[in-house]
Amino acid sequence: MQVIDIIDEDRELARVNKGTLNWSIAKGFSMMQQITKDSIVEQVLTNFPKTLEIFIRHGFKDLSNPIMRNTMAKFVTIERACKMKAVDQETFLLELNQTINPSTH
């Protein structure tokens, strides 16, 4: 997986795994982050720790265990996780994205 450098809206350098998160330009240099169905659960949790609460609320209680976050979650996409727990993917993604971009929703 290729790692790329980006500059976020606070002009801080960040490193993300290409393909994990989609980045789109908004208002000049500012950038919005978006979690997609193809995002890897562990990378979402690493990049956005506040999303853990949402995962747990939607039935992913195992993710409260750091060992589970650092093992199984490394191989599971949001889409696969939603199918495994019968979670509505569209609603789940909306809530995740509202958490990481509260001013855009």
N, C-alpha and C. Protein backbone atom coordinates (compact mmCIF):
# COMPACT_ATOMS: atom_id res chain seq x y z
N MET A 1 0.85 -1.17 0.00
CA MET A 1 0.00 0.00 0.00
C MET A 1 0.90 1.24 0.00
N GLN A 2 0.63 2.17 -0.88
CA GLN A 2 1.44 3.37 -1.00
C GLN A 2 1.03 4.42 0.03
N VAL A 3 2.01 5.03 0.69
CA VAL A 3 1.75 6.09 1.65
C VAL A 3 2.01 7.42 0.98
N ILE A 4 1.10 8.36 1.16
CA ILE A 4 1.27 9.69 0.57
C ILE A 4 1.23 10.75 1.65
N ASP A 5 1.91 11.87 1.40
CA ASP A 5 1.88 13.00 2.31
C ASP A 5 0.84 13.99 1.83
N ILE A 6 0.12 14.57 2.76
CA ILE A 6 -0.86 15.59 2.42
C ILE A 6 -0.79 16.70 3.45
N ILE A 7 -1.37 17.82 3.14
CA ILE A 7 -1.47 18.92 4.08
C ILE A 7 -2.94 19.13 4.37
N ASP A 8 -3.31 19.10 5.66
CA ASP A 8 -4.72 19.27 6.01
C ASP A 8 -5.08 20.73 6.14
N GLU A 9 -6.32 21.03 6.52
CA GLU A 9 -6.80 22.40 6.57
C GLU A 9 -6.06 23.27 7.57
N ASP A 10 -5.38 22.65 8.54
CA ASP A 10 -4.58 23.40 9.49
C ASP A 10 -3.14 23.52 9.02
N ARG A 11 -2.91 23.13 7.79
CA ARG A 11 -1.59 23.18 7.16
C ARG A 11 -0.56 22.30 7.89
N GLU A 12 -1.03 21.23 8.48
CA GLU A 12 -0.15 20.28 9.12
C GLU A 12 0.05 19.10 8.17
N LEU A 13 1.26 18.59 8.16
CA LEU A 13 1.56 17.46 7.31
C LEU A 13 0.97 16.19 7.91
N ALA A 14 0.33 15.41 7.10
CA ALA A 14 -0.23 14.15 7.56
C ALA A 14 0.16 13.06 6.58
N ARG A 15 0.26 11.86 7.07
CA ARG A 15 0.55 10.71 6.20
C ARG A 15 -0.66 9.79 6.21
N VAL A 16 -1.11 9.43 5.06
CA VAL A 16 -2.23 8.49 4.98
C VAL A 16 -1.89 7.41 3.97
N ASN A 17 -2.48 6.28 4.14
CA ASN A 17 -2.31 5.21 3.17
C ASN A 17 -3.23 5.47 2.00
N LYS A 18 -2.64 5.56 0.83
CA LYS A 18 -3.42 5.83 -0.37
C LYS A 18 -4.47 4.73 -0.55
N GLY A 19 -5.71 5.13 -0.80
CA GLY A 19 -6.79 4.18 -1.00
C GLY A 19 -7.60 3.93 0.25
N THR A 20 -7.08 4.31 1.39
CA THR A 20 -7.80 4.10 2.64
C THR A 20 -8.85 5.18 2.84
N LEU A 21 -8.44 6.40 2.64
CA LEU A 21 -9.34 7.54 2.82
C LEU A 21 -9.35 8.35 1.54
N ASN A 22 -10.48 8.87 1.19
CA ASN A 22 -10.56 9.75 0.03
C ASN A 22 -10.40 11.18 0.50
N TRP A 23 -9.64 11.95 -0.22
CA TRP A 23 -9.42 13.35 0.12
C TRP A 23 -9.94 14.19 -1.05
N SER A 24 -10.66 15.23 -0.76
CA SER A 24 -11.14 16.11 -1.81
C SER A 24 -10.84 17.55 -1.42
N ILE A 25 -10.51 18.37 -2.41
CA ILE A 25 -10.17 19.76 -2.15
C ILE A 25 -11.45 20.57 -2.00
N ALA A 26 -11.50 21.39 -0.98
CA ALA A 26 -12.63 22.28 -0.75
C ALA A 26 -12.10 23.61 -0.25
N LYS A 27 -12.60 24.70 -0.78
CA LYS A 27 -12.20 26.03 -0.37
C LYS A 27 -10.69 26.22 -0.46
N GLY A 28 -10.14 26.14 -1.65
CA GLY A 28 -8.71 26.39 -1.82
C GLY A 28 -7.86 25.27 -1.28
N PHE A 29 -7.09 25.56 -0.24
CA PHE A 29 -6.16 24.59 0.30
C PHE A 29 -6.77 23.68 1.34
N SER A 30 -7.96 23.97 1.76
CA SER A 30 -8.56 23.15 2.80
C SER A 30 -8.97 21.81 2.19
N MET A 31 -8.91 20.76 2.99
CA MET A 31 -9.23 19.43 2.49
C MET A 31 -10.22 18.76 3.43
N MET A 32 -11.14 18.02 2.85
CA MET A 32 -12.11 17.27 3.64
C MET A 32 -11.75 15.80 3.57
N GLN A 33 -11.89 15.11 4.67
CA GLN A 33 -11.62 13.69 4.73
C GLN A 33 -12.94 12.96 4.62
N GLN A 34 -12.88 11.80 3.98
CA GLN A 34 -14.09 11.00 3.86
C GLN A 34 -13.76 9.53 4.06
N ILE A 35 -14.48 8.91 4.95
CA ILE A 35 -14.38 7.47 5.16
C ILE A 35 -15.34 6.81 4.17
N THR A 36 -14.86 5.79 3.48
CA THR A 36 -15.68 5.10 2.48
C THR A 36 -15.86 3.64 2.86
N LYS A 37 -16.66 2.94 2.11
CA LYS A 37 -16.89 1.51 2.34
C LYS A 37 -15.61 0.72 2.18
N ASP A 38 -14.64 1.25 1.44
CA ASP A 38 -13.38 0.56 1.20
C ASP A 38 -12.31 0.89 2.24
N SER A 39 -12.60 1.79 3.16
CA SER A 39 -11.65 2.14 4.21
C SER A 39 -11.44 0.94 5.13
N ILE A 40 -10.22 0.77 5.58
CA ILE A 40 -9.88 -0.32 6.51
C ILE A 40 -10.19 0.14 7.93
N VAL A 41 -10.90 -0.69 8.68
CA VAL A 41 -11.37 -0.34 10.02
C VAL A 41 -10.21 0.14 10.91
N GLU A 42 -9.12 -0.60 10.96
CA GLU A 42 -8.00 -0.24 11.82
C GLU A 42 -7.43 1.12 11.46
N GLN A 43 -7.36 1.43 10.17
CA GLN A 43 -6.80 2.71 9.74
C GLN A 43 -7.75 3.86 10.08
N VAL A 44 -9.04 3.61 9.99
CA VAL A 44 -10.02 4.63 10.40
C VAL A 44 -9.85 4.93 11.88
N LEU A 45 -9.75 3.86 12.69
CA LEU A 45 -9.61 4.04 14.13
C LEU A 45 -8.28 4.70 14.50
N THR A 46 -7.23 4.41 13.77
CA THR A 46 -5.93 5.02 14.03
C THR A 46 -5.94 6.50 13.67
N ASN A 47 -6.51 6.81 12.52
CA ASN A 47 -6.54 8.20 12.05
C ASN A 47 -7.59 9.04 12.78
N PHE A 48 -8.66 8.40 13.24
CA PHE A 48 -9.77 9.12 13.87
C PHE A 48 -10.22 8.37 15.12
N PRO A 49 -9.46 8.44 16.20
CA PRO A 49 -9.80 7.68 17.42
C PRO A 49 -11.20 7.94 17.95
N LYS A 50 -11.74 9.13 17.71
CA LYS A 50 -13.08 9.42 18.23
C LYS A 50 -14.17 8.59 17.55
N THR A 51 -13.84 7.91 16.45
CA THR A 51 -14.83 7.06 15.79
C THR A 51 -15.05 5.74 16.53
N LEU A 52 -14.16 5.39 17.46
CA LEU A 52 -14.32 4.14 18.21
C LEU A 52 -15.68 4.08 18.89
N GLU A 53 -16.11 5.19 19.45
CA GLU A 53 -17.42 5.25 20.11
C GLU A 53 -18.55 4.86 19.15
N ILE A 54 -18.45 5.29 17.92
CA ILE A 54 -19.49 4.98 16.92
C ILE A 54 -19.45 3.49 16.57
N PHE A 55 -18.26 2.95 16.38
CA PHE A 55 -18.16 1.51 16.11
C PHE A 55 -18.80 0.71 17.24
N ILE A 56 -18.46 1.04 18.47
CA ILE A 56 -19.00 0.31 19.62
C ILE A 56 -20.52 0.45 19.70
N ARG A 57 -21.02 1.65 19.46
CA ARG A 57 -22.47 1.88 19.52
C ARG A 57 -23.22 1.07 18.45
N HIS A 58 -22.55 0.78 17.35
CA HIS A 58 -23.19 0.01 16.27
C HIS A 58 -22.93 -1.50 16.39
N GLY A 59 -22.44 -1.93 17.55
CA GLY A 59 -22.31 -3.36 17.78
C GLY A 59 -20.92 -3.94 17.64
N PHE A 60 -19.93 -3.11 17.36
CA PHE A 60 -18.57 -3.60 17.21
C PHE A 60 -17.84 -3.52 18.56
N LYS A 61 -18.40 -4.16 19.57
CA LYS A 61 -17.87 -4.09 20.93
C LYS A 61 -16.47 -4.67 21.05
N ASP A 62 -16.15 -5.65 20.19
CA ASP A 62 -14.81 -6.25 20.22
C ASP A 62 -13.72 -5.22 19.97
N LEU A 63 -14.04 -4.15 19.28
CA LEU A 63 -13.04 -3.13 18.98
C LEU A 63 -12.61 -2.32 20.20
N SER A 64 -13.33 -2.47 21.31
CA SER A 64 -12.89 -1.81 22.54
C SER A 64 -11.62 -2.47 23.07
N ASN A 65 -11.32 -3.67 22.61
CA ASN A 65 -10.10 -4.39 22.97
C ASN A 65 -8.98 -3.99 22.00
N PRO A 66 -7.89 -3.38 22.50
CA PRO A 66 -6.80 -2.94 21.63
C PRO A 66 -6.19 -4.07 20.79
N ILE A 67 -6.19 -5.28 21.32
CA ILE A 67 -5.64 -6.41 20.56
C ILE A 67 -6.48 -6.67 19.32
N MET A 68 -7.80 -6.62 19.45
CA MET A 68 -8.68 -6.81 18.29
C MET A 68 -8.49 -5.69 17.27
N ARG A 69 -8.34 -4.45 17.78
CA ARG A 69 -8.13 -3.31 16.87
C ARG A 69 -6.83 -3.47 16.08
N ASN A 70 -5.82 -4.04 16.72
CA ASN A 70 -4.50 -4.15 16.08
C ASN A 70 -4.30 -5.45 15.31
N THR A 71 -5.27 -6.33 15.33
CA THR A 71 -5.13 -7.58 14.58
C THR A 71 -6.22 -7.70 13.52
N MET A 72 -7.39 -8.13 13.91
CA MET A 72 -8.47 -8.39 12.96
C MET A 72 -8.89 -7.13 12.18
N ALA A 73 -8.92 -5.99 12.85
CA ALA A 73 -9.39 -4.77 12.20
C ALA A 73 -8.47 -4.32 11.08
N LYS A 74 -7.24 -4.82 11.03
CA LYS A 74 -6.29 -4.45 9.97
C LYS A 74 -6.69 -5.03 8.61
N PHE A 75 -7.55 -6.02 8.62
CA PHE A 75 -7.87 -6.74 7.39
C PHE A 75 -9.31 -6.57 6.94
N VAL A 76 -10.08 -5.76 7.66
CA VAL A 76 -11.51 -5.67 7.39
C VAL A 76 -11.87 -4.26 6.91
N THR A 77 -12.60 -4.20 5.79
CA THR A 77 -13.10 -2.91 5.30
C THR A 77 -14.38 -2.55 6.04
N ILE A 78 -14.76 -1.31 5.92
CA ILE A 78 -16.04 -0.88 6.50
C ILE A 78 -17.18 -1.69 5.90
N GLU A 79 -17.13 -1.91 4.61
CA GLU A 79 -18.19 -2.68 3.93
C GLU A 79 -18.31 -4.09 4.53
N ARG A 80 -17.19 -4.76 4.69
CA ARG A 80 -17.20 -6.13 5.23
C ARG A 80 -17.67 -6.14 6.68
N ALA A 81 -17.20 -5.16 7.46
CA ALA A 81 -17.61 -5.08 8.86
C ALA A 81 -19.11 -4.90 8.98
N CYS A 82 -19.67 -4.05 8.15
CA CYS A 82 -21.12 -3.82 8.19
C CYS A 82 -21.89 -5.08 7.83
N LYS A 83 -21.40 -5.83 6.86
CA LYS A 83 -22.06 -7.09 6.49
C LYS A 83 -21.97 -8.11 7.62
N MET A 84 -20.81 -8.15 8.30
CA MET A 84 -20.62 -9.12 9.37
C MET A 84 -21.57 -8.87 10.54
N LYS A 85 -21.89 -7.62 10.82
CA LYS A 85 -22.73 -7.26 11.96
C LYS A 85 -24.14 -6.83 11.55
N ALA A 86 -24.46 -6.94 10.25
CA ALA A 86 -25.77 -6.54 9.73
C ALA A 86 -26.08 -5.08 10.10
N VAL A 87 -25.09 -4.23 9.90
CA VAL A 87 -25.23 -2.79 10.16
C VAL A 87 -25.50 -2.10 8.84
N ASP A 88 -26.45 -1.15 8.84
CA ASP A 88 -26.76 -0.40 7.62
C ASP A 88 -25.53 0.45 7.26
N GLN A 89 -24.89 0.09 6.16
CA GLN A 89 -23.63 0.72 5.75
C GLN A 89 -23.79 2.22 5.50
N GLU A 90 -24.83 2.62 4.83
CA GLU A 90 -25.03 4.03 4.49
C GLU A 90 -25.16 4.89 5.76
N THR A 91 -25.96 4.43 6.69
CA THR A 91 -26.15 5.16 7.95
C THR A 91 -24.85 5.20 8.75
N PHE A 92 -24.16 4.08 8.79
CA PHE A 92 -22.91 3.98 9.54
C PHE A 92 -21.86 4.93 8.96
N LEU A 93 -21.69 4.93 7.65
CA LEU A 93 -20.73 5.82 7.00
C LEU A 93 -21.09 7.29 7.23
N LEU A 94 -22.37 7.59 7.16
CA LEU A 94 -22.81 8.97 7.41
C LEU A 94 -22.41 9.41 8.81
N GLU A 95 -22.65 8.55 9.79
CA GLU A 95 -22.32 8.89 11.17
C GLU A 95 -20.80 9.02 11.37
N LEU A 96 -20.04 8.12 10.77
CA LEU A 96 -18.57 8.21 10.86
C LEU A 96 -18.08 9.53 10.26
N ASN A 97 -18.57 9.85 9.07
CA ASN A 97 -18.13 11.06 8.39
C ASN A 97 -18.59 12.33 9.09
N GLN A 98 -19.75 12.28 9.71
CA GLN A 98 -20.20 13.44 10.49
C GLN A 98 -19.29 13.65 11.70
N THR A 99 -18.75 12.58 12.22
CA THR A 99 -17.86 12.67 13.38
C THR A 99 -16.52 13.29 13.01
N ILE A 100 -15.99 12.93 11.85
CA ILE A 100 -14.67 13.45 11.48
C ILE A 100 -14.75 14.81 10.78
N ASN A 101 -15.92 15.14 10.25
CA ASN A 101 -16.13 16.43 9.57
C ASN A 101 -17.42 17.07 10.07
N PRO A 102 -17.49 17.44 11.34
CA PRO A 102 -18.76 17.94 11.90
C PRO A 102 -19.28 19.20 11.24
N SER A 103 -18.44 20.03 10.69
CA SER A 103 -18.91 21.29 10.10
C SER A 103 -19.44 21.12 8.70
N THR A 104 -19.24 19.95 8.08
CA THR A 104 -19.68 19.75 6.70
C THR A 104 -21.01 19.04 6.61
N HIS A 105 -21.60 18.65 7.73
CA HIS A 105 -22.89 17.90 7.68
C HIS A 105 -23.94 18.61 8.46
